[in-house]
C-alpha atoms as a PDB file:
ATOM      1  CA  MET A   1       0.001   0.001   0.000  1.00  0.00           C
ATOM      2  CA  ALA A   2       1.276   3.467  -0.868  1.00  0.00           C
ATOM      3  CA  VAL A   3       1.810   5.941   1.935  1.00  0.00           C
ATOM      4  CA  PHE A   4       0.479   8.800  -0.210  1.00  0.00           C
ATOM      5  CA  PHE A   5       0.084   9.937  -3.794  1.00  0.00           C
ATOM      6  CA  SER A   6       2.570  12.594  -4.888  1.00  0.00           C
ATOM      7  CA  LYS A   7       0.973  15.275  -7.022  1.00  0.00           C
ATOM      8  CA  ARG A   8       4.440  16.538  -7.867  1.00  0.00           C
ATOM      9  CA  PHE A   9       5.652  13.211  -9.286  1.00  0.00           C
ATOM     10  CA  GLY A  10       2.220  11.904 -10.328  1.00  0.00           C
ATOM     11  CA  LYS A  11       2.961   8.584  -8.598  1.00  0.00           C
ATOM     12  CA  ASN A  12       2.375   6.685  -5.388  1.00  0.00           C
ATOM     13  CA  VAL A  13       5.079   7.085  -2.756  1.00  0.00           C
ATOM     14  CA  TRP A  14       6.367   3.991  -0.970  1.00  0.00           C
ATOM     15  CA  ILE A  15       8.642   4.125   2.065  1.00  0.00           C
ATOM     16  CA  THR A  16      11.085   1.267   2.658  1.00  0.00           C
ATOM     17  CA  ARG A  17      11.446  -0.237   6.116  1.00  0.00           C
ATOM     18  CA  HIS A  18      14.940   1.277   6.298  1.00  0.00           C
ATOM     19  CA  ALA A  19      13.541   4.745   5.561  1.00  0.00           C
ATOM     20  CA  ARG A  20      10.770   4.360   8.170  1.00  0.00           C
ATOM     21  CA  GLU A  21      13.341   3.230  10.726  1.00  0.00           C
ATOM     22  CA  SER A  22      15.637   6.162   9.878  1.00  0.00           C
ATOM     23  CA  MET A  23      12.813   8.701  10.273  1.00  0.00           C
ATOM     24  CA  LEU A  24      12.028   8.006  13.925  1.00  0.00           C
ATOM     25  CA  PRO A  25      15.376   8.918  15.566  1.00  0.00           C
ATOM     26  CA  ARG A  26      15.649  11.889  13.194  1.00  0.00           C
ATOM     27  CA  ASN A  27      12.262  13.232  14.274  1.00  0.00           C
ATOM     28  CA  VAL A  28      10.842  13.200  10.732  1.00  0.00           C
ATOM     29  CA  ASP A  29       7.156  12.290  10.686  1.00  0.00           C
ATOM     30  CA  ALA A  30       5.012  11.318   7.681  1.00  0.00           C
ATOM     31  CA  ASP A  31       3.684  14.875   7.237  1.00  0.00           C
ATOM     32  CA  THR A  32       7.222  16.280   7.159  1.00  0.00           C
ATOM     33  CA  LEU A  33       8.299  13.654   4.651  1.00  0.00           C
ATOM     34  CA  GLU A  34       5.322  14.393   2.413  1.00  0.00           C
ATOM     35  CA  ARG A  35       6.070  18.133   2.552  1.00  0.00           C
ATOM     36  CA  LEU A  36       9.727  17.413   1.733  1.00  0.00           C
ATOM     37  CA  ILE A  37       8.805  15.309  -1.307  1.00  0.00           C
ATOM     38  CA  GLU A  38       6.197  17.763  -2.596  1.00  0.00           C
ATOM     39  CA  GLU A  39       8.140  21.011  -1.987  1.00  0.00           C
ATOM     40  CA  GLY A  40      11.856  20.224  -1.670  1.00  0.00           C
ATOM     41  CA  GLU A  41      14.605  20.891  -4.158  1.00  0.00           C
ATOM     42  CA  ILE A  42      15.487  17.972  -6.443  1.00  0.00           C
ATOM     43  CA  LYS A  43      18.985  16.774  -7.323  1.00  0.00           C
ATOM     44  CA  ARG A  44      19.065  13.837  -9.762  1.00  0.00           C
ATOM     45  CA  ARG A  45      21.929  11.360  -9.752  1.00  0.00           C
ATOM     46  CA  ASP A  46      20.705   9.573 -12.877  1.00  0.00           C
ATOM     47  CA  GLU A  47      17.403   8.738 -14.590  1.00  0.00           C
ATOM     48  CA  VAL A  48      15.954   6.942 -11.559  1.00  0.00           C
ATOM     49  CA  SER A  49      17.961   7.975  -8.464  1.00  0.00           C
ATOM     50  CA  LEU A  50      17.464  11.347  -6.827  1.00  0.00           C
ATOM     51  CA  TRP A  51      17.642  13.325  -3.625  1.00  0.00           C
ATOM     52  CA  VAL A  52      14.914  15.690  -2.477  1.00  0.00           C
ATOM     53  CA  PHE A  53      16.026  18.135   0.189  1.00  0.00           C
ATOM     54  CA  MET A  54      14.929  21.281   1.965  1.00  0.00           C
ATOM     55  CA  HIS A  55      15.513  23.478   4.973  1.00  0.00           C
ATOM     56  CA  ILE A  56      12.619  23.346   7.418  1.00  0.00           C
ATOM     57  CA  GLN A  57      12.296  26.393   9.614  1.00  0.00           C
ATOM     58  CA  GLY A  58      12.493  25.697  13.315  1.00  0.00           C
ATOM     59  CA  ARG A  59      14.769  22.676  12.940  1.00  0.00           C
ATOM     60  CA  ALA A  60      18.433  22.858  13.905  1.00  0.00           C
ATOM     61  CA  ASP A  61      19.397  19.740  11.922  1.00  0.00           C
ATOM     62  CA  ASN A  62      18.956  20.938   8.344  1.00  0.00           C
ATOM     63  CA  LEU A  63      19.125  20.046   5.429  1.00  0.00           C
ATOM     64  CA  ILE A  64      16.569  17.260   5.576  1.00  0.00           C
ATOM     65  CA  CYS A  65      16.930  14.887   2.641  1.00  0.00           C
ATOM     66  CA  ALA A  66      15.155  11.854   1.225  1.00  0.00           C
ATOM     67  CA  ALA A  67      17.159   9.535  -1.031  1.00  0.00           C
ATOM     68  CA  MET A  68      14.665   8.137  -3.532  1.00  0.00           C
ATOM     69  CA  VAL A  69      14.206   6.004  -6.617  1.00  0.00           C
ATOM     70  CA  GLU A  70      11.602   7.001  -9.192  1.00  0.00           C
ATOM     71  CA  GLN A  71      10.158   4.176 -11.244  1.00  0.00           C
ATOM     72  CA  ALA A  72       6.521   3.000 -11.411  1.00  0.00           C
ATOM     73  CA  ALA A  73       6.262   4.515  -7.916  1.00  0.00           C
ATOM     74  CA  VAL A  74       8.519   6.847  -5.956  1.00  0.00           C
ATOM     75  CA  ILE A  75      10.415   4.776  -3.390  1.00  0.00           C
ATOM     76  CA  VAL A  76      11.966   6.492  -0.383  1.00  0.00           C
ATOM     77  CA  LYS A  77      15.116   4.535   0.448  1.00  0.00           C
ATOM     78  CA  THR A  78      16.290   6.565   3.451  1.00  0.00           C
ATOM     79  CA  VAL A  79      15.815   9.895   5.211  1.00  0.00           C
ATOM     80  CA  MET A  80      18.750  11.986   6.432  1.00  0.00           C
ATOM     81  CA  ILE A  81      19.329  15.153   8.448  1.00  0.00           C
ATOM     82  CA  ASN A  82      22.270  17.571   8.375  1.00  0.00           C
ATOM     83  CA  TRP A  83      22.680  16.583   4.740  1.00  0.00           C
ATOM     84  CA  GLU A  84      25.102  18.415   2.468  1.00  0.00           C
ATOM     85  CA  LEU A  85      24.731  18.801  -1.270  1.00  0.00           C
ATOM     86  CA  GLU A  86      27.922  17.760  -3.026  1.00  0.00           C
ATOM     87  CA  ASP A  87      28.970  19.401  -6.251  1.00  0.00           C
ATOM     88  CA  GLU A  88      29.818  17.059  -9.076  1.00  0.00           C
ATOM     89  CA  THR A  89      32.984  18.431 -10.586  1.00  0.00           C
END
């Protein structure tokens, strides 16, 4: 069962067990994750792998990032805090 439907991606969003387990100690709830996916900045690694990240006001552990795979559905592989965008040079 999908956790929610992403209007942004036009697909169901699935969250792996690893991602769910990583959310709890990082204080990222389902509403925060949905907001991140719908509103965050996107950095693509390739055609299917991407990161979605954003600064959330009131949190001291920014950037919050979801590492995802986009195929028939969007699959959240993990959720991170204090993430840093790396330049590909």
